[in-house]
Protein backbone atom coordinates (compact mmCIF):
# COMPACT_ATOMS: atom_id res chain seq x y z
CA MET A 1 77.49 100.60 84.09
CA ASP A 2 80.52 102.89 84.83
CA LYS A 3 81.14 105.87 82.55
CA ILE A 4 84.17 105.28 80.32
CA SER A 5 86.28 108.30 79.79
CA GLY A 6 89.03 109.13 77.42
CA SER A 7 89.19 108.69 73.74
CA ILE A 8 90.38 106.07 71.21
CA PRO A 9 94.26 106.57 70.59
CA GLU A 10 95.06 108.22 67.52
CA ASP A 11 97.35 105.27 66.50
CA TYR A 12 94.12 103.05 66.16
CA ARG A 13 92.62 105.33 63.61
CA LYS A 14 93.81 102.71 61.02
CA TYR A 15 91.25 100.24 62.42
CA PHE A 16 88.36 102.63 61.56
CA TRP A 17 89.23 103.40 57.91
CA ASP A 18 85.73 103.40 56.59
CA CYS A 19 84.00 105.43 59.28
CA GLU A 20 84.22 108.87 61.18
CA PHE A 21 86.90 108.22 63.75
CA ASP A 22 86.63 111.44 65.44
CA SER A 23 82.92 110.93 66.10
CA LEU A 24 83.36 107.42 67.70
CA GLU A 25 82.51 107.52 71.41
CA LEU A 26 83.97 105.17 74.00
CA GLN A 27 80.58 104.44 75.59
CA GLY A 28 78.25 104.78 72.78
CA HIS A 29 80.20 102.65 70.26
CA ARG A 30 82.00 100.25 72.54
CA LYS A 31 80.68 97.14 70.78
CA PHE A 32 81.78 98.43 67.34
CA ILE A 33 85.15 99.58 68.64
CA ALA A 34 85.83 96.30 70.39
CA GLU A 35 84.88 94.22 67.17
CA ARG A 36 87.11 96.16 65.13
CA ILE A 37 90.08 95.86 67.46
CA LEU A 38 89.38 92.03 68.06
CA MET A 39 89.53 91.72 64.15
CA PHE A 40 92.18 94.00 63.15
CA GLY A 41 94.15 95.08 66.31
CA ASP A 42 97.70 94.43 67.28
CA VAL A 43 98.77 93.47 70.77
CA PRO A 44 98.92 97.03 71.99
CA ALA A 45 95.49 97.63 70.79
CA LEU A 46 94.22 94.52 72.37
CA LYS A 47 95.74 95.40 75.65
CA TRP A 48 94.06 98.99 75.47
CA LEU A 49 90.75 97.29 74.87
CA LYS A 50 90.91 95.06 77.75
CA ASN A 51 92.10 98.02 79.95
CA THR A 52 89.53 100.35 78.75
CA TYR A 53 86.30 97.95 78.80
CA GLY A 54 87.46 95.14 81.12
CA LEU A 55 88.14 91.45 80.51
CA ASP A 56 84.56 90.34 80.91
CA PHE A 57 83.28 92.74 78.11
CA PHE A 58 86.52 91.66 76.00
CA ARG A 59 85.58 88.08 76.53
CA GLN A 60 81.92 88.54 75.75
CA ILE A 61 82.45 90.27 72.57
CA ALA A 62 85.33 87.93 71.46
CA ILE A 63 83.16 84.65 71.64
CA SER A 64 79.77 85.94 70.84
CA SER A 65 79.84 88.83 68.40
CA ARG A 66 78.29 87.83 65.05
CA ARG A 67 80.23 90.75 63.30
CA LEU A 68 83.38 88.87 63.84
CA ASP A 69 84.49 86.69 60.79
CA LYS A 70 84.35 82.94 61.59
CA LYS A 71 88.35 82.58 61.85
CA THR A 72 88.53 85.35 64.20
CA ARG A 73 85.60 84.14 66.50
CA ASN A 74 87.10 80.71 66.60
CA PHE A 75 90.56 82.18 67.59
CA TRP A 76 89.03 83.89 70.38
CA LYS A 77 86.82 80.93 71.42
CA ILE A 78 89.96 78.78 71.58
CA TYR A 79 91.89 81.62 73.35
CA PHE A 80 89.31 81.74 76.07
CA ASN A 81 88.89 77.89 76.21
CA ASP A 82 85.35 77.98 74.89
CA GLN A 83 84.16 75.68 72.03
CA PRO A 84 85.16 76.58 68.53
CA THR A 85 82.21 76.95 66.07
CA VAL A 86 83.81 74.53 63.41
């Protein structure tokens, strides 16, 4: 696995209101970061997520994460032409 460098943009602090934003690590907390942005992020945040972690990881988390609420998971399943969990 490639080492991911950089940090979460300061503008995205609002998506991590209940945790210590400055201690989040791109590599170590990537699933948690992806789940938050998939649930609450805007278009620029989603683009950042895809560019940071890659489309395969983005898709994998979007359609399989159990932490996403049902509506969010169904949206991403439909978006990626996977079957919704109705």
